[in-house]
Amino acid sequence: MKFQLKALWLQKDVGIAVDQIVGTGSSPVTCYFFWPRDNAWEQLKNELDAKSWIPEADKIELLNQATELINYWEEGRANNRPHTLQEAQARFPHIVFAGSN
């Protein structure tokens, strides 16, 4: 099994979701969870933990990626220079991005 982190890169928050790669396409595993509107990391962890068919190593990898992404989003806000969608895509080429800024 292979999984993909997806992100909605928005002005006021970042949405995080997981898809499962199926052949040449993908299938949603979770809905989007939004940071800082909600505790997206905790919600993602709970959702992944509820899916016993996902290997533990994949859950850990996805949560680590989510942590890096949230930290990067927060870093831009803390510096009063939010990272652009293009910067985020360049920094995290393994994540599928959507959104605008």
PDB file of N, CA and C in Angstrom:
ATOM      1  N   MET A   1       0.844  -1.185   0.000  1.00  0.00           N
ATOM      2  CA  MET A   1       0.000   0.000   0.000  1.00  0.00           C
ATOM      3  C   MET A   1       0.882   1.238   0.000  1.00  0.00           C
ATOM      4  N   LYS A   2       0.395   2.258  -0.667  1.00  0.00           N
ATOM      5  CA  LYS A   2       1.108   3.523  -0.694  1.00  0.00           C
ATOM      6  C   LYS A   2       0.107   4.630  -0.397  1.00  0.00           C
ATOM      7  N   PHE A   3       0.563   5.594   0.400  1.00  0.00           N
ATOM      8  CA  PHE A   3      -0.302   6.692   0.811  1.00  0.00           C
ATOM      9  C   PHE A   3       0.333   8.023   0.447  1.00  0.00           C
ATOM     10  N   GLN A   4      -0.508   9.041   0.282  1.00  0.00           N
ATOM     11  CA  GLN A   4      -0.061  10.360  -0.143  1.00  0.00           C
ATOM     12  C   GLN A   4      -0.685  11.418   0.746  1.00  0.00           C
ATOM     13  N   LEU A   5       0.147  12.307   1.284  1.00  0.00           N
ATOM     14  CA  LEU A   5      -0.371  13.446   2.033  1.00  0.00           C
ATOM     15  C   LEU A   5      -0.776  14.518   1.030  1.00  0.00           C
ATOM     16  N   LYS A   6      -1.933  15.135   1.275  1.00  0.00           N
ATOM     17  CA  LYS A   6      -2.415  16.228   0.440  1.00  0.00           C
ATOM     18  C   LYS A   6      -2.571  17.457   1.322  1.00  0.00           C
ATOM     19  N   ALA A   7      -2.377  18.633   0.724  1.00  0.00           N
ATOM     20  CA  ALA A   7      -2.480  19.870   1.494  1.00  0.00           C
ATOM     21  C   ALA A   7      -3.220  20.937   0.704  1.00  0.00           C
ATOM     22  N   LEU A   8      -4.112  21.642   1.387  1.00  0.00           N
ATOM     23  CA  LEU A   8      -4.739  22.858   0.861  1.00  0.00           C
ATOM     24  C   LEU A   8      -3.983  24.021   1.498  1.00  0.00           C
ATOM     25  N   TRP A   9      -3.245  24.760   0.704  1.00  0.00           N
ATOM     26  CA  TRP A   9      -2.397  25.854   1.193  1.00  0.00           C
ATOM     27  C   TRP A   9      -3.192  27.141   1.081  1.00  0.00           C
ATOM     28  N   LEU A  10      -3.708  27.622   2.209  1.00  0.00           N
ATOM     29  CA  LEU A  10      -4.597  28.772   2.220  1.00  0.00           C
ATOM     30  C   LEU A  10      -4.005  29.922   3.020  1.00  0.00           C
ATOM     31  N   GLN A  11      -4.636  31.093   2.910  1.00  0.00           N
ATOM     32  CA  GLN A  11      -4.143  32.279   3.608  1.00  0.00           C
ATOM     33  C   GLN A  11      -4.184  32.136   5.129  1.00  0.00           C
ATOM     34  N   LYS A  12      -5.315  31.632   5.640  1.00  0.00           N
ATOM     35  CA  LYS A  12      -5.499  31.628   7.089  1.00  0.00           C
ATOM     36  C   LYS A  12      -5.320  30.267   7.728  1.00  0.00           C
ATOM     37  N   ASP A  13      -5.200  29.218   6.930  1.00  0.00           N
ATOM     38  CA  ASP A  13      -4.950  27.894   7.486  1.00  0.00           C
ATOM     39  C   ASP A  13      -4.431  26.955   6.406  1.00  0.00           C
ATOM     40  N   VAL A  14      -4.046  25.787   6.856  1.00  0.00           N
ATOM     41  CA  VAL A  14      -3.571  24.750   5.940  1.00  0.00           C
ATOM     42  C   VAL A  14      -4.393  23.496   6.219  1.00  0.00           C
ATOM     43  N   GLY A  15      -4.923  22.904   5.147  1.00  0.00           N
ATOM     44  CA  GLY A  15      -5.703  21.678   5.273  1.00  0.00           C
ATOM     45  C   GLY A  15      -4.843  20.479   4.936  1.00  0.00           C
ATOM     46  N   ILE A  16      -5.024  19.405   5.685  1.00  0.00           N
ATOM     47  CA  ILE A  16      -4.221  18.194   5.497  1.00  0.00           C
ATOM     48  C   ILE A  16      -5.155  16.995   5.368  1.00  0.00           C
ATOM     49  N   ALA A  17      -4.892  16.161   4.362  1.00  0.00           N
ATOM     50  CA  ALA A  17      -5.673  14.944   4.148  1.00  0.00           C
ATOM     51  C   ALA A  17      -4.749  13.846   3.639  1.00  0.00           C
ATOM     52  N   VAL A  18      -5.258  12.615   3.625  1.00  0.00           N
ATOM     53  CA  VAL A  18      -4.489  11.463   3.148  1.00  0.00           C
ATOM     54  C   VAL A  18      -5.287  10.743   2.076  1.00  0.00           C
ATOM     55  N   ASP A  19      -4.601  10.384   1.001  1.00  0.00           N
ATOM     56  CA  ASP A  19      -5.157   9.539  -0.051  1.00  0.00           C
ATOM     57  C   ASP A  19      -4.359   8.248  -0.103  1.00  0.00           C
ATOM     58  N   GLN A  20      -4.995   7.198  -0.579  1.00  0.00           N
ATOM     59  CA  GLN A  20      -4.294   5.955  -0.876  1.00  0.00           C
ATOM     60  C   GLN A  20      -4.082   5.918  -2.380  1.00  0.00           C
ATOM     61  N   ILE A  21      -2.873   5.611  -2.793  1.00  0.00           N
ATOM     62  CA  ILE A  21      -2.562   5.496  -4.210  1.00  0.00           C
ATOM     63  C   ILE A  21      -3.067   4.137  -4.689  1.00  0.00           C
ATOM     64  N   VAL A  22      -3.900   4.163  -5.732  1.00  0.00           N
ATOM     65  CA  VAL A  22      -4.491   2.951  -6.279  1.00  0.00           C
ATOM     66  C   VAL A  22      -4.209   2.954  -7.779  1.00  0.00           C
ATOM     67  N   GLY A  23      -3.299   2.082  -8.214  1.00  0.00           N
ATOM     68  CA  GLY A  23      -2.917   2.069  -9.625  1.00  0.00           C
ATOM     69  C   GLY A  23      -2.315   3.404 -10.002  1.00  0.00           C
ATOM     70  N   THR A  24      -2.903   4.064 -11.004  1.00  0.00           N
ATOM     71  CA  THR A  24      -2.397   5.373 -11.422  1.00  0.00           C
ATOM     72  C   THR A  24      -3.222   6.508 -10.823  1.00  0.00           C
ATOM     73  N   GLY A  25      -4.199   6.177  -9.985  1.00  0.00           N
ATOM     74  CA  GLY A  25      -5.052   7.187  -9.366  1.00  0.00           C
ATOM     75  C   GLY A  25      -4.933   7.171  -7.855  1.00  0.00           C
ATOM     76  N   SER A  26      -5.873   7.822  -7.222  1.00  0.00           N
ATOM     77  CA  SER A  26      -5.874   7.856  -5.757  1.00  0.00           C
ATOM     78  C   SER A  26      -7.298   7.807  -5.246  1.00  0.00           C
ATOM     79  N   SER A  27      -7.418   7.401  -4.000  1.00  0.00           N
ATOM     80  CA  SER A  27      -8.708   7.290  -3.332  1.00  0.00           C
ATOM     81  C   SER A  27      -8.590   7.935  -1.955  1.00  0.00           C
ATOM     82  N   PRO A  28      -9.523   8.815  -1.579  1.00  0.00           N
ATOM     83  CA  PRO A  28      -9.431   9.478  -0.271  1.00  0.00           C
ATOM     84  C   PRO A  28      -9.489   8.480   0.887  1.00  0.00           C
ATOM     85  N   VAL A  29      -8.623   8.689   1.862  1.00  0.00           N
ATOM     86  CA  VAL A  29      -8.623   7.908   3.097  1.00  0.00           C
ATOM     87  C   VAL A  29      -9.209   8.750   4.223  1.00  0.00           C
ATOM     88  N   THR A  30      -8.928  10.059   4.196  1.00  0.00           N
ATOM     89  CA  THR A  30      -9.458  10.978   5.213  1.00  0.00           C
ATOM     90  C   THR A  30     -10.030  12.213   4.524  1.00  0.00           C
ATOM     91  N   CYS A  31     -10.824  12.957   5.285  1.00  0.00           N
ATOM     92  CA  CYS A  31     -11.243  14.275   4.842  1.00  0.00           C
ATOM     93  C   CYS A  31     -10.096  15.248   5.170  1.00  0.00           C
ATOM     94  N   TYR A  32     -10.281  16.515   4.840  1.00  0.00           N
ATOM     95  CA  TYR A  32      -9.273  17.520   5.194  1.00  0.00           C
ATOM     96  C   TYR A  32      -9.479  17.970   6.634  1.00  0.00           C
ATOM     97  N   PHE A  33      -8.356  18.126   7.334  1.00  0.00           N
ATOM     98  CA  PHE A  33      -8.341  18.686   8.678  1.00  0.00           C
ATOM     99  C   PHE A  33      -7.534  19.979   8.597  1.00  0.00           C
ATOM    100  N   PHE A  34      -8.010  21.036   9.274  1.00  0.00           N
ATOM    101  CA  PHE A  34      -7.417  22.363   9.098  1.00  0.00           C
ATOM    102  C   PHE A  34      -6.690  22.855  10.339  1.00  0.00           C
ATOM    103  N   TRP A  35      -5.472  23.350  10.099  1.00  0.00           N
ATOM    104  CA  TRP A  35      -4.633  23.962  11.126  1.00  0.00           C
ATOM    105  C   TRP A  35      -4.549  25.437  10.806  1.00  0.00           C
ATOM    106  N   PRO A  36      -4.619  26.369  11.708  1.00  0.00           N
ATOM    107  CA  PRO A  36      -4.815  26.244  13.148  1.00  0.00           C
ATOM    108  C   PRO A  36      -6.284  26.303  13.559  1.00  0.00           C
ATOM    109  N   ARG A  37      -7.199  26.316  12.600  1.00  0.00           N
ATOM    110  CA  ARG A  37      -8.633  26.349  12.924  1.00  0.00           C
ATOM    111  C   ARG A  37      -8.977  25.253  13.930  1.00  0.00           C
ATOM    112  N   ASP A  38      -8.456  24.066  13.703  1.00  0.00           N
ATOM    113  CA  ASP A  38      -8.621  22.933  14.607  1.00  0.00           C
ATOM    114  C   ASP A  38      -7.250  22.307  14.817  1.00  0.00           C
ATOM    115  N   ASN A  39      -7.161  21.328  15.676  1.00  0.00           N
ATOM    116  CA  ASN A  39      -5.900  20.627  15.861  1.00  0.00           C
ATOM    117  C   ASN A  39      -5.805  19.537  14.791  1.00  0.00           C
ATOM    118  N   ALA A  40      -5.408  19.957  13.589  1.00  0.00           N
ATOM    119  CA  ALA A  40      -5.388  19.062  12.430  1.00  0.00           C
ATOM    120  C   ALA A  40      -4.514  17.840  12.666  1.00  0.00           C
ATOM    121  N   TRP A  41      -3.381  18.018  13.331  1.00  0.00           N
ATOM    122  CA  TRP A  41      -2.482  16.883  13.555  1.00  0.00           C
ATOM    123  C   TRP A  41      -3.166  15.827  14.414  1.00  0.00           C
ATOM    124  N   GLU A  42      -3.782  16.259  15.495  1.00  0.00           N
ATOM    125  CA  GLU A  42      -4.462  15.324  16.401  1.00  0.00           C
ATOM    126  C   GLU A  42      -5.641  14.643  15.699  1.00  0.00           C
ATOM    127  N   GLN A  43      -6.385  15.402  14.924  1.00  0.00           N
ATOM    128  CA  GLN A  43      -7.507  14.827  14.191  1.00  0.00           C
ATOM    129  C   GLN A  43      -7.022  13.794  13.172  1.00  0.00           C
ATOM    130  N   LEU A  44      -5.937  14.115  12.473  1.00  0.00           N
ATOM    131  CA  LEU A  44      -5.369  13.179  11.502  1.00  0.00           C
ATOM    132  C   LEU A  44      -4.884  11.916  12.200  1.00  0.00           C
ATOM    133  N   LYS A  45      -4.213  12.075  13.333  1.00  0.00           N
ATOM    134  CA  LYS A  45      -3.731  10.916  14.094  1.00  0.00           C
ATOM    135  C   LYS A  45      -4.898  10.023  14.502  1.00  0.00           C
ATOM    136  N   ASN A  46      -5.950  10.603  15.042  1.00  0.00           N
ATOM    137  CA  ASN A  46      -7.115   9.824  15.466  1.00  0.00           C
ATOM    138  C   ASN A  46      -7.751   9.089  14.289  1.00  0.00           C
ATOM    139  N   GLU A  47      -7.850   9.772  13.157  1.00  0.00           N
ATOM    140  CA  GLU A  47      -8.442   9.156  11.964  1.00  0.00           C
ATOM    141  C   GLU A  47      -7.584   7.990  11.462  1.00  0.00           C
ATOM    142  N   LEU A  48      -6.274   8.177  11.422  1.00  0.00           N
ATOM    143  CA  LEU A  48      -5.384   7.103  10.970  1.00  0.00           C
ATOM    144  C   LEU A  48      -5.393   5.940  11.958  1.00  0.00           C
ATOM    145  N   ASP A  49      -5.400   6.249  13.255  1.00  0.00           N
ATOM    146  CA  ASP A  49      -5.432   5.192  14.272  1.00  0.00           C
ATOM    147  C   ASP A  49      -6.696   4.341  14.168  1.00  0.00           C
ATOM    148  N   ALA A  50      -7.781   4.931  13.710  1.00  0.00           N
ATOM    149  CA  ALA A  50      -9.043   4.204  13.573  1.00  0.00           C
ATOM    150  C   ALA A  50      -9.045   3.253  12.373  1.00  0.00           C
ATOM    151  N   LYS A  51      -8.043   3.385  11.520  1.00  0.00           N
ATOM    152  CA  LYS A  51      -7.954   2.553  10.319  1.00  0.00           C
ATOM    153  C   LYS A  51      -6.870   1.495  10.530  1.00  0.00           C
ATOM    154  N   SER A  52      -7.276   0.372  11.102  1.00  0.00           N
ATOM    155  CA  SER A  52      -6.326  -0.676  11.484  1.00  0.00           C
ATOM    156  C   SER A  52      -5.622  -1.309  10.285  1.00  0.00           C
ATOM    157  N   TRP A  53      -6.149  -1.137   9.091  1.00  0.00           N
ATOM    158  CA  TRP A  53      -5.555  -1.720   7.891  1.00  0.00           C
ATOM    159  C   TRP A  53      -4.362  -0.927   7.364  1.00  0.00           C
ATOM    160  N   ILE A  54      -4.137   0.274   7.911  1.00  0.00           N
ATOM    161  CA  ILE A  54      -2.970   1.067   7.504  1.00  0.00           C
ATOM    162  C   ILE A  54      -1.786   0.654   8.377  1.00  0.00           C
ATOM    163  N   PRO A  55      -0.671   0.247   7.762  1.00  0.00           N
ATOM    164  CA  PRO A  55       0.498  -0.155   8.552  1.00  0.00           C
ATOM    165  C   PRO A  55       0.992   0.980   9.458  1.00  0.00           C
ATOM    166  N   GLU A  56       1.439   0.603  10.650  1.00  0.00           N
ATOM    167  CA  GLU A  56       1.905   1.584  11.640  1.00  0.00           C
ATOM    168  C   GLU A  56       3.017   2.474  11.081  1.00  0.00           C
ATOM    169  N   ALA A  57       3.928   1.884  10.327  1.00  0.00           N
ATOM    170  CA  ALA A  57       5.041   2.660   9.745  1.00  0.00           C
ATOM    171  C   ALA A  57       4.510   3.750   8.807  1.00  0.00           C
ATOM    172  N   ASP A  58       3.462   3.452   8.050  1.00  0.00           N
ATOM    173  CA  ASP A  58       2.871   4.455   7.157  1.00  0.00           C
ATOM    174  C   ASP A  58       2.197   5.561   7.956  1.00  0.00           C
ATOM    175  N   LYS A  59       1.520   5.197   9.036  1.00  0.00           N
ATOM    176  CA  LYS A  59       0.888   6.209   9.897  1.00  0.00           C
ATOM    177  C   LYS A  59       1.940   7.168  10.442  1.00  0.00           C
ATOM    178  N   ILE A  60       3.035   6.619  10.929  1.00  0.00           N
ATOM    179  CA  ILE A  60       4.109   7.447  11.497  1.00  0.00           C
ATOM    180  C   ILE A  60       4.691   8.369  10.430  1.00  0.00           C
ATOM    181  N   GLU A  61       4.941   7.833   9.242  1.00  0.00           N
ATOM    182  CA  GLU A  61       5.494   8.648   8.161  1.00  0.00           C
ATOM    183  C   GLU A  61       4.551   9.786   7.783  1.00  0.00           C
ATOM    184  N   LEU A  62       3.264   9.488   7.667  1.00  0.00           N
ATOM    185  CA  LEU A  62       2.285  10.521   7.318  1.00  0.00           C
ATOM    186  C   LEU A  62       2.188  11.592   8.396  1.00  0.00           C
ATOM    187  N   LEU A  63       2.200  11.193   9.653  1.00  0.00           N
ATOM    188  CA  LEU A  63       2.131  12.164  10.748  1.00  0.00           C
ATOM    189  C   LEU A  63       3.404  13.002  10.831  1.00  0.00           C
ATOM    190  N   ASN A  64       4.551  12.405  10.548  1.00  0.00           N
ATOM    191  CA  ASN A  64       5.803  13.173  10.512  1.00  0.00           C
ATOM    192  C   ASN A  64       5.766  14.211   9.391  1.00  0.00           C
ATOM    193  N   GLN A  65       5.247  13.818   8.226  1.00  0.00           N
ATOM    194  CA  GLN A  65       5.114  14.763   7.117  1.00  0.00           C
ATOM    195  C   GLN A  65       4.161  15.893   7.488  1.00  0.00           C
ATOM    196  N   ALA A  66       3.069  15.550   8.139  1.00  0.00           N
ATOM    197  CA  ALA A  66       2.099  16.568   8.567  1.00  0.00           C
ATOM    198  C   ALA A  66       2.738  17.541   9.552  1.00  0.00           C
ATOM    199  N   THR A  67       3.549  17.016  10.464  1.00  0.00           N
ATOM    200  CA  THR A  67       4.255  17.866  11.432  1.00  0.00           C
ATOM    201  C   THR A  67       5.171  18.849  10.719  1.00  0.00           C
ATOM    202  N   GLU A  68       5.960  18.353   9.769  1.00  0.00           N
ATOM    203  CA  GLU A  68       6.874  19.224   9.017  1.00  0.00           C
ATOM    204  C   GLU A  68       6.097  20.298   8.262  1.00  0.00           C
ATOM    205  N   LEU A  69       4.993  19.918   7.654  1.00  0.00           N
ATOM    206  CA  LEU A  69       4.193  20.862   6.878  1.00  0.00           C
ATOM    207  C   LEU A  69       3.591  21.938   7.782  1.00  0.00           C
ATOM    208  N   ILE A  70       3.005  21.539   8.899  1.00  0.00           N
ATOM    209  CA  ILE A  70       2.427  22.508   9.838  1.00  0.00           C
ATOM    210  C   ILE A  70       3.509  23.443  10.372  1.00  0.00           C
ATOM    211  N   ASN A  71       4.659  22.897  10.734  1.00  0.00           N
ATOM    212  CA  ASN A  71       5.756  23.732  11.231  1.00  0.00           C
ATOM    213  C   ASN A  71       6.208  24.744  10.184  1.00  0.00           C
ATOM    214  N   TYR A  72       6.274  24.323   8.927  1.00  0.00           N
ATOM    215  CA  TYR A  72       6.674  25.216   7.838  1.00  0.00           C
ATOM    216  C   TYR A  72       5.642  26.328   7.659  1.00  0.00           C
ATOM    217  N   TRP A  73       4.367  25.971   7.696  1.00  0.00           N
ATOM    218  CA  TRP A  73       3.297  26.962   7.572  1.00  0.00           C
ATOM    219  C   TRP A  73       3.377  27.969   8.718  1.00  0.00           C
ATOM    220  N   GLU A  74       3.565  27.441   9.941  1.00  0.00           N
ATOM    221  CA  GLU A  74       3.678  28.305  11.131  1.00  0.00           C
ATOM    222  C   GLU A  74       4.904  29.212  11.064  1.00  0.00           C
ATOM    223  N   GLU A  75       6.009  28.694  10.580  1.00  0.00           N
ATOM    224  CA  GLU A  75       7.248  29.469  10.466  1.00  0.00           C
ATOM    225  C   GLU A  75       7.028  30.711   9.609  1.00  0.00           C
ATOM    226  N   GLY A  76       6.342  30.556   8.501  1.00  0.00           N
ATOM    227  CA  GLY A  76       6.056  31.701   7.636  1.00  0.00           C
ATOM    228  C   GLY A  76       5.201  32.737   8.341  1.00  0.00           C
ATOM    229  N   ARG A  77       4.208  32.290   9.076  1.00  0.00           N
ATOM    230  CA  ARG A  77       3.348  33.210   9.825  1.00  0.00           C
ATOM    231  C   ARG A  77       4.135  33.935  10.916  1.00  0.00           C
ATOM    232  N   ALA A  78       5.002  33.219  11.617  1.00  0.00           N
ATOM    233  CA  ALA A  78       5.778  33.813  12.709  1.00  0.00           C
ATOM    234  C   ALA A  78       6.721  34.903  12.193  1.00  0.00           C
ATOM    235  N   ASN A  79       7.191  34.750  10.955  1.00  0.00           N
ATOM    236  CA  ASN A  79       8.117  35.721  10.366  1.00  0.00           C
ATOM    237  C   ASN A  79       7.396  36.836   9.625  1.00  0.00           C
ATOM    238  N   ASN A  80       6.067  36.876   9.716  1.00  0.00           N
ATOM    239  CA  ASN A  80       5.251  37.854   8.992  1.00  0.00           C
ATOM    240  C   ASN A  80       5.500  37.818   7.498  1.00  0.00           C
ATOM    241  N   ARG A  81       5.900  36.655   7.014  1.00  0.00           N
ATOM    242  CA  ARG A  81       6.093  36.457   5.585  1.00  0.00           C
ATOM    243  C   ARG A  81       5.626  35.040   5.251  1.00  0.00           C
ATOM    244  N   PRO A  82       4.306  34.875   5.129  1.00  0.00           N
ATOM    245  CA  PRO A  82       3.789  33.535   4.849  1.00  0.00           C
ATOM    246  C   PRO A  82       4.423  32.943   3.591  1.00  0.00           C
ATOM    247  N   HIS A  83       4.742  31.660   3.647  1.00  0.00           N
ATOM    248  CA  HIS A  83       5.294  30.977   2.487  1.00  0.00           C
ATOM    249  C   HIS A  83       4.222  30.878   1.413  1.00  0.00           C
ATOM    250  N   THR A  84       4.644  31.030   0.165  1.00  0.00           N
ATOM    251  CA  THR A  84       3.705  30.912  -0.947  1.00  0.00           C
ATOM    252  C   THR A  84       3.459  29.433  -1.256  1.00  0.00           C
ATOM    253  N   LEU A  85       2.417  29.193  -2.017  1.00  0.00           N
ATOM    254  CA  LEU A  85       2.113  27.840  -2.468  1.00  0.00           C
ATOM    255  C   LEU A  85       3.303  27.266  -3.242  1.00  0.00           C
ATOM    256  N   GLN A  86       3.908  28.078  -4.081  1.00  0.00           N
ATOM    257  CA  GLN A  86       5.048  27.615  -4.880  1.00  0.00           C
ATOM    258  C   GLN A  86       6.240  27.246  -3.994  1.00  0.00           C
ATOM    259  N   GLU A  87       6.482  28.025  -2.947  1.00  0.00           N
ATOM    260  CA  GLU A  87       7.568  27.709  -2.016  1.00  0.00           C
ATOM    261  C   GLU A  87       7.289  26.400  -1.288  1.00  0.00           C
ATOM    262  N   ALA A  88       6.044  26.214  -0.880  1.00  0.00           N
ATOM    263  CA  ALA A  88       5.669  24.985  -0.176  1.00  0.00           C
ATOM    264  C   ALA A  88       5.821  23.777  -1.097  1.00  0.00           C
ATOM    265  N   GLN A  89       5.406  23.908  -2.346  1.00  0.00           N
ATOM    266  CA  GLN A  89       5.536  22.804  -3.301  1.00  0.00           C
ATOM    267  C   GLN A  89       6.996  22.450  -3.526  1.00  0.00           C
ATOM    268  N   ALA A  90       7.855  23.450  -3.596  1.00  0.00           N
ATOM    269  CA  ALA A  90       9.285  23.200  -3.797  1.00  0.00           C
ATOM    270  C   ALA A  90       9.895  22.530  -2.569  1.00  0.00           C
ATOM    271  N   ARG A  91       9.461  22.929  -1.392  1.00  0.00           N
ATOM    272  CA  ARG A  91       9.999  22.377  -0.139  1.00  0.00           C
ATOM    273  C   ARG A  91       9.515  20.946   0.123  1.00  0.00           C
ATOM    274  N   PHE A  92       8.282  20.637  -0.308  1.00  0.00           N
ATOM    275  CA  PHE A  92       7.675  19.328  -0.053  1.00  0.00           C
ATOM    276  C   PHE A  92       7.176  18.704  -1.361  1.00  0.00           C
ATOM    277  N   PRO A  93       8.089  18.260  -2.228  1.00  0.00           N
ATOM    278  CA  PRO A  93       7.665  17.731  -3.528  1.00  0.00           C
ATOM    279  C   PRO A  93       6.857  16.433  -3.432  1.00  0.00           C
ATOM    280  N   HIS A  94       6.918  15.742  -2.304  1.00  0.00           N
ATOM    281  CA  HIS A  94       6.206  14.475  -2.123  1.00  0.00           C
ATOM    282  C   HIS A  94       4.755  14.679  -1.657  1.00  0.00           C
ATOM    283  N   ILE A  95       4.368  15.933  -1.401  1.00  0.00           N
ATOM    284  CA  ILE A  95       3.001  16.250  -0.971  1.00  0.00           C
ATOM    285  C   ILE A  95       2.253  16.859  -2.152  1.00  0.00           C
ATOM    286  N   VAL A  96       1.005  16.471  -2.335  1.00  0.00           N
ATOM    287  CA  VAL A  96       0.164  17.050  -3.393  1.00  0.00           C
ATOM    288  C   VAL A  96      -0.510  18.293  -2.827  1.00  0.00           C
ATOM    289  N   PHE A  97      -0.280  19.438  -3.489  1.00  0.00           N
ATOM    290  CA  PHE A  97      -0.814  20.714  -3.010  1.00  0.00           C
ATOM    291  C   PHE A  97      -1.941  21.230  -3.892  1.00  0.00           C
ATOM    292  N   ALA A  98      -2.845  21.958  -3.243  1.00  0.00           N
ATOM    293  CA  ALA A  98      -3.870  22.727  -3.930  1.00  0.00           C
ATOM    294  C   ALA A  98      -4.032  24.008  -3.118  1.00  0.00           C
ATOM    295  N   GLY A  99      -4.642  25.010  -3.710  1.00  0.00           N
ATOM    296  CA  GLY A  99      -4.852  26.257  -2.985  1.00  0.00           C
ATOM    297  C   GLY A  99      -4.269  27.416  -3.748  1.00  0.00           C
ATOM    298  N   SER A 100      -4.339  28.573  -3.146  1.00  0.00           N
ATOM    299  CA  SER A 100      -3.796  29.769  -3.801  1.00  0.00           C
ATOM    300  C   SER A 100      -3.374  30.773  -2.752  1.00  0.00           C
ATOM    301  N   ASN A 101      -2.353  31.524  -3.103  1.00  0.00           N
ATOM    302  CA  ASN A 101      -1.938  32.686  -2.298  1.00  0.00           C
ATOM    303  C   ASN A 101      -0.873  33.447  -3.038  1.00  0.00           C
TER     304      ASN A 101
END
